[in-house]
Protein backbone atom coordinates (compact mmCIF):
# COMPACT_ATOMS: atom_id res chain seq x y z
CA ALA A 1 0.00 0.00 0.00
CA LEU A 2 2.97 2.30 0.48
CA LEU A 3 4.14 1.85 -3.08
CA ASN A 4 3.94 4.98 -5.17
CA GLU A 5 2.99 4.99 -8.84
CA GLU A 6 6.56 4.57 -10.05
CA GLY A 7 7.23 1.76 -7.62
CA LEU A 8 4.12 -0.08 -8.71
CA ARG A 9 5.04 0.34 -12.36
CA LEU A 10 8.48 -1.17 -11.71
CA LEU A 11 6.89 -4.02 -9.80
CA LEU A 12 4.56 -4.84 -12.68
CA LYS A 13 7.45 -4.69 -15.16
CA SER A 14 9.74 -6.91 -13.09
CA ASN A 15 10.50 -10.52 -14.08
CA PRO A 16 7.17 -12.39 -13.92
CA ASP A 17 6.84 -15.81 -12.40
CA ARG A 18 6.21 -18.83 -14.59
CA ASP A 19 2.48 -18.84 -13.84
CA SER A 20 2.06 -15.33 -15.21
CA LEU A 21 2.93 -16.13 -18.82
CA GLN A 22 1.82 -18.68 -21.34
CA THR A 23 4.08 -19.62 -24.21
CA GLY A 24 2.58 -20.09 -27.68
CA ARG A 25 3.82 -20.43 -31.22
CA ALA A 26 2.70 -18.45 -34.22
CA ALA A 27 4.44 -18.36 -37.63
CA GLY A 28 7.38 -20.22 -36.16
CA ARG A 29 8.06 -17.55 -33.55
CA SER A 30 7.70 -17.74 -29.78
CA ILE A 31 5.19 -15.23 -28.33
CA LEU A 32 4.35 -14.36 -24.76
CA ILE A 33 0.67 -14.00 -23.89
CA PRO A 34 -0.22 -12.62 -20.44
CA SER A 35 -2.74 -14.93 -18.87
CA TYR A 36 -6.21 -13.70 -17.96
CA LYS A 37 -5.62 -14.84 -14.40
CA ASN A 38 -2.49 -12.66 -14.11
CA GLN A 39 -4.27 -9.62 -15.58
CA ARG A 40 -7.10 -9.99 -13.11
CA ARG A 41 -4.62 -10.35 -10.25
CA SER A 42 -2.77 -7.18 -11.34
CA ARG A 43 -5.98 -5.18 -11.51
CA ALA A 44 -7.01 -6.39 -8.07
CA LEU A 45 -3.60 -5.40 -6.67
CA GLN A 46 -3.79 -1.95 -8.25
CA GLN A 47 -7.33 -1.36 -6.99
CA SER A 48 -6.34 -2.45 -3.49
CA ILE A 49 -3.39 -0.06 -3.42
CA LEU A 50 -5.52 2.85 -4.65
CA ALA A 51 -8.23 2.06 -2.11
CA VAL A 52 -5.77 2.02 0.79
CA GLN A 53 -4.13 5.23 -0.43
CA SER A 54 -7.57 6.83 -0.55
CA GLU A 55 -8.35 5.70 2.98
CA HIS A 56 -5.03 7.06 4.26
CA PHE A 57 -5.79 10.36 2.58
CA ARG A 58 -9.24 10.53 4.13
CA VAL A 59 -7.85 9.97 7.62
CA ASP A 60 -5.04 12.53 7.25
CA PHE A 61 -7.31 15.09 5.57
CA SER A 62 -9.93 14.72 8.29
CA LEU A 63 -7.26 15.37 10.93
CA ALA A 64 -6.07 18.51 9.10
CA LYS A 65 -9.65 19.74 8.74
CA LEU A 66 -10.28 19.13 12.45
CA GLU A 67 -7.17 21.15 13.33
CA PHE A 68 -8.39 24.00 11.14
CA GLU A 69 -11.91 24.01 12.56
CA SER A 70 -10.49 23.80 16.11
CA GLY A 71 -8.57 27.05 15.65
CA ARG A 72 -5.13 25.59 14.98
CA PRO A 73 -4.46 26.83 11.43
CA ASN A 74 -0.67 26.43 11.59
CA SER A 75 -0.97 22.75 12.47
CA ALA A 76 -3.62 22.28 9.78
CA GLU A 77 -1.50 24.00 7.15
CA SER A 78 1.52 21.83 7.99
CA LEU A 79 -0.55 18.65 7.57
CA LEU A 80 -2.10 19.87 4.34
CA ARG A 81 1.26 20.80 2.82
CA LYS A 82 2.46 17.27 3.50
CA LEU A 83 -0.66 15.92 1.81
CA LEU A 84 -0.11 18.19 -1.18
CA ALA A 85 3.34 16.67 -1.66
CA ARG A 86 1.78 13.25 -2.20
CA ASP A 87 0.65 11.80 -5.52
CA LEU A 88 -3.04 12.70 -5.13
CA THR A 89 -6.00 12.27 -7.42
CA LEU A 90 -7.53 15.54 -8.63
CA PRO A 91 -10.54 15.41 -6.26
CA MET A 92 -8.17 14.87 -3.32
CA ARG A 93 -5.97 17.76 -4.42
CA SER A 94 -9.01 20.03 -4.74
CA LYS A 95 -10.00 19.36 -1.15
CA VAL A 96 -6.51 20.20 0.12
CA LEU A 97 -6.23 23.41 -1.92
CA GLU A 98 -9.67 24.57 -0.80
CA ILE A 99 -8.80 24.28 2.90
CA LEU A 100 -5.41 25.96 2.36
CA ALA A 101 -7.17 28.88 0.66
CA ARG A 102 -9.61 29.14 3.57
CA ILE A 103 -6.74 29.12 6.09
CA LYS A 104 -5.05 32.03 4.32
CA LEU A 105 -8.37 33.84 4.00
CA ARG A 106 -9.03 33.56 7.72
CA SER A 107 -5.55 34.93 8.50
CA GLY A 108 -6.09 37.87 6.15
CA GLU A 109 -3.46 36.80 3.61
CA ILE A 110 -5.60 37.68 0.59
CA SER A 111 -2.95 37.36 -2.12
CA LYS A 112 -1.82 33.95 -0.83
CA SER A 113 -5.41 32.78 -0.55
CA LEU A 114 -6.02 33.83 -4.15
CA GLU A 115 -2.95 31.84 -5.23
CA TYR A 116 -4.46 28.68 -3.77
CA VAL A 117 -7.83 29.52 -5.36
CA HIS A 118 -6.10 29.86 -8.72
CA GLN A 119 -4.50 26.43 -8.27
CA LEU A 120 -7.90 25.05 -7.29
CA GLU A 121 -9.52 26.49 -10.43
CA ARG A 122 -6.81 24.99 -12.64
CA ASN A 123 -7.22 21.67 -10.86
CA ASN A 124 -10.99 21.69 -11.47
CA ARG A 125 -10.88 22.49 -15.17
CA PRO A 126 -12.98 20.04 -17.23
CA SER A 127 -10.01 19.44 -19.53
CA ALA A 128 -7.98 18.03 -16.64
CA THR A 129 -8.08 14.27 -16.38
CA LYS A 130 -9.86 12.96 -13.31
CA PHE A 131 -7.22 10.32 -12.69
CA PRO A 132 -3.52 11.24 -12.44
CA PHE A 133 -2.48 7.78 -13.67
CA ALA A 134 -4.05 8.10 -17.12
CA GLU A 135 -0.72 7.99 -18.95
CA SER A 136 0.81 5.26 -16.83
CA SER A 137 0.41 1.53 -16.56
CA LEU A 138 -2.46 2.14 -14.13
CA ALA A 139 -4.69 3.56 -16.88
CA SER A 140 -6.43 0.21 -17.19
CA VAL A 141 -7.93 0.49 -13.71
CA SER A 142 -9.15 4.09 -13.95
CA GLU A 143 -12.65 3.02 -14.96
CA SER A 144 -12.82 0.42 -12.21
CA PHE A 145 -11.58 2.91 -9.64
CA ARG A 146 -14.18 5.50 -10.68
CA GLY A 147 -16.95 3.73 -8.75
CA LEU A 148 -14.73 3.25 -5.71
CA GLN A 149 -13.74 6.91 -5.74
CA ASP A 150 -17.39 7.99 -5.95
CA VAL A 151 -18.18 5.91 -2.89
CA LEU A 152 -15.25 7.25 -0.87
CA TYR A 153 -15.63 10.86 -1.95
CA ASN A 154 -19.27 11.66 -2.57
CA GLU A 155 -18.97 15.08 -0.93
CA GLN A 156 -19.23 17.80 -3.57
CA THR A 157 -16.15 19.98 -3.88
CA PRO A 158 -17.03 23.58 -2.97
CA SER A 159 -17.24 25.95 -5.93
CA ALA A 160 -13.90 27.59 -6.61
CA SER A 161 -15.73 30.62 -7.99
CA ILE A 162 -17.64 31.12 -4.74
CA LEU A 163 -14.42 30.80 -2.78
CA ARG A 164 -12.72 33.37 -5.03
CA ILE A 165 -15.66 35.76 -4.51
CA ARG A 166 -15.39 35.38 -0.74
CA VAL A 167 -11.65 36.13 -0.85
CA LEU A 168 -12.19 39.20 -3.03
CA PHE A 169 -14.99 40.36 -0.73
CA VAL A 170 -12.89 40.04 2.42
CA GLY A 171 -10.05 41.80 0.59
CA GLN A 172 -12.48 44.69 -0.12
CA ARG A 173 -12.10 44.23 -3.86
CA TYR A 174 -15.83 44.76 -4.21
CA ALA A 175 -16.05 45.60 -7.91
CA GLU A 176 -14.22 42.39 -8.91
CA ALA A 177 -16.29 40.33 -6.48
CA LEU A 178 -19.54 41.85 -7.76
CA SER A 179 -18.67 41.23 -11.41
CA LEU A 180 -17.71 37.60 -10.78
CA THR A 181 -20.84 37.03 -8.69
CA GLU A 182 -23.13 38.27 -11.44
CA GLN A 183 -21.27 36.24 -14.07
CA SER A 184 -21.72 33.12 -11.94
CA LEU A 185 -25.42 33.82 -11.40
CA GLU A 186 -25.95 34.01 -15.15
CA LYS A 187 -24.94 30.37 -15.55
CA SER A 188 -27.57 27.79 -16.38
CA THR A 189 -29.13 25.98 -13.42
CA ASP A 190 -27.88 22.79 -15.05
CA ASP A 191 -24.31 23.93 -14.32
CA ILE A 192 -24.84 25.12 -10.74
CA SER A 193 -26.77 23.79 -7.75
CA LEU A 194 -29.58 25.65 -5.98
CA ARG A 195 -27.42 25.87 -2.86
CA ASP A 196 -24.65 27.55 -4.86
CA VAL A 197 -27.17 29.99 -6.35
CA ALA A 198 -28.32 30.77 -2.82
CA GLN A 199 -24.74 31.42 -1.69
CA LEU A 200 -24.09 33.63 -4.69
CA SER A 201 -27.30 35.61 -4.12
CA CYS A 202 -26.38 36.15 -0.47
CA LEU A 203 -22.87 37.28 -1.43
CA HIS A 204 -24.34 39.61 -4.04
CA GLY A 205 -26.40 41.32 -1.36
CA LYS A 206 -23.46 41.53 1.04
CA ILE A 207 -21.12 43.02 -1.55
CA ILE A 208 -23.60 45.73 -2.53
CA SER A 209 -24.36 46.50 1.12
CA HIS A 210 -20.67 47.00 1.91
CA MET A 211 -20.21 49.20 -1.13
CA LEU A 212 -22.74 51.58 0.39
CA ALA A 213 -20.27 52.37 3.17
CA SER A 214 -19.22 56.01 3.07
CA ASP A 215 -15.51 55.15 2.84
CA THR A 216 -15.93 52.92 -0.21
CA PRO A 217 -14.18 54.52 -3.22
CA TYR A 218 -16.37 54.91 -6.28
CA ASP A 219 -14.99 53.96 -9.68
CA GLN A 220 -17.64 53.95 -12.39
CA SER A 221 -15.44 52.15 -14.92
CA SER A 222 -14.89 49.21 -12.57
CA LEU A 223 -18.66 48.74 -12.25
CA ALA A 224 -19.37 48.79 -15.97
CA GLY A 225 -21.32 45.73 -17.03
CA THR A 226 -22.70 45.01 -13.56
CA GLY A 227 -26.23 45.50 -12.28
CA LEU A 228 -24.97 48.14 -9.89
CA GLY A 229 -23.30 49.96 -12.76
CA ALA A 230 -26.65 50.05 -14.55
CA VAL A 231 -28.24 51.69 -11.49
CA LEU A 232 -25.50 54.33 -11.33
CA LYS A 233 -24.98 55.03 -15.03
CA ASN A 234 -27.29 58.07 -15.03
CA PHE A 235 -25.78 59.61 -11.91
CA THR A 236 -24.16 62.90 -12.92
CA SER A 237 -23.81 64.79 -9.64
CA PRO A 238 -20.28 65.48 -8.33
CA GLY A 239 -18.92 63.23 -5.61
CA SER A 240 -19.74 59.66 -4.75
CA PRO A 241 -23.24 58.44 -5.68
CA PHE A 242 -23.25 56.42 -2.47
CA ALA A 243 -23.78 59.69 -0.59
CA ASP A 244 -27.02 60.46 -2.48
CA ILE A 245 -30.04 59.31 -0.51
CA SER A 246 -32.11 58.37 -3.57
CA VAL A 247 -29.24 56.35 -5.05
CA ARG A 248 -28.65 54.63 -1.73
CA GLY A 249 -32.32 53.68 -1.65
CA ALA A 250 -32.15 52.17 -5.13
CA ILE A 251 -28.97 50.24 -4.30
CA SER A 252 -30.43 49.02 -0.99
CA ALA A 253 -33.44 47.67 -2.88
CA VAL A 254 -31.12 45.63 -5.12
CA ALA A 255 -29.33 44.23 -2.07
CA LEU A 256 -32.60 43.33 -0.33
CA GLU A 257 -33.83 41.60 -3.48
CA SER A 258 -30.68 39.44 -3.50
CA PHE A 259 -31.07 38.55 0.20
CA GLU A 260 -34.72 37.60 -0.34
CA ARG A 261 -33.80 35.41 -3.28
CA ALA A 262 -31.13 33.69 -1.17
CA ARG A 263 -33.63 33.14 1.67
CA GLN A 264 -36.14 31.49 -0.62
CA LEU A 265 -33.53 29.24 -2.21
CA TYR A 266 -32.18 28.14 1.18
CA MET A 267 -35.72 27.27 2.23
CA ASN A 268 -36.13 25.24 -0.97
CA VAL A 269 -33.06 23.14 -0.14
CA GLY A 270 -34.08 22.72 3.50
CA ASP A 271 -31.39 24.91 5.06
CA GLU A 272 -33.54 26.86 7.49
CA LEU A 273 -30.57 28.15 9.51
CA ARG A 274 -29.01 29.90 6.53
CA ALA A 275 -32.43 31.08 5.39
CA ALA A 276 -32.92 32.78 8.76
CA LYS A 277 -29.50 34.42 8.59
């Protein structure tokens, strides 16, 4: 179970025993035909190794997550960095990167958190292969391992876009956060869950509410293409539009509409606690 991919490949390529090969003759030449029994044994060995590696990951990841949730981010980060150095499947790697980004977000290290979010987004790209062994001798078991992986890891990976929005929001990069939120909300419901739509709607309301703060700098160009930009496009008075009572009322209405939408969606998915918040 401790064998890594390279070690397993070398093991499978090592001198086979006599039971693993059958000798035949064709056109006067000797050929070696791997027996069905040996192939089945190799697949079983590979699946067993992958299953144990997955179980080890789950135990170590759970410990790191517990450290993080218990207020020991340094210990959690150390454990997660060790996990990241392993040969992980893409779903495993996503889980590690997501917690690392959250650790940096909680400590206020916005740029570092965004670096981990960027890695998470690259890791989650549809073009990326789901199994890191696709080009190795383990490719033959990827389909068999798919069902096992689904059983072990049926928890949905949090949306990288939502995490990026949260980081931008905490970093007071409101215009970027608002633009990304509205882009994400425009996606088809087939591509995003109701719970994610609820989170995005709630974030949309929070971002707009914080932008109403008197110390928030106003930059019309940065809001172009957003719903808030549409509200403010006809504002021609000098100074910040956030200081105008009528504009503040219109913006507040947009925020309240987003919060109400989030409340209804949370109720639809049975999350009454979030709906109340």
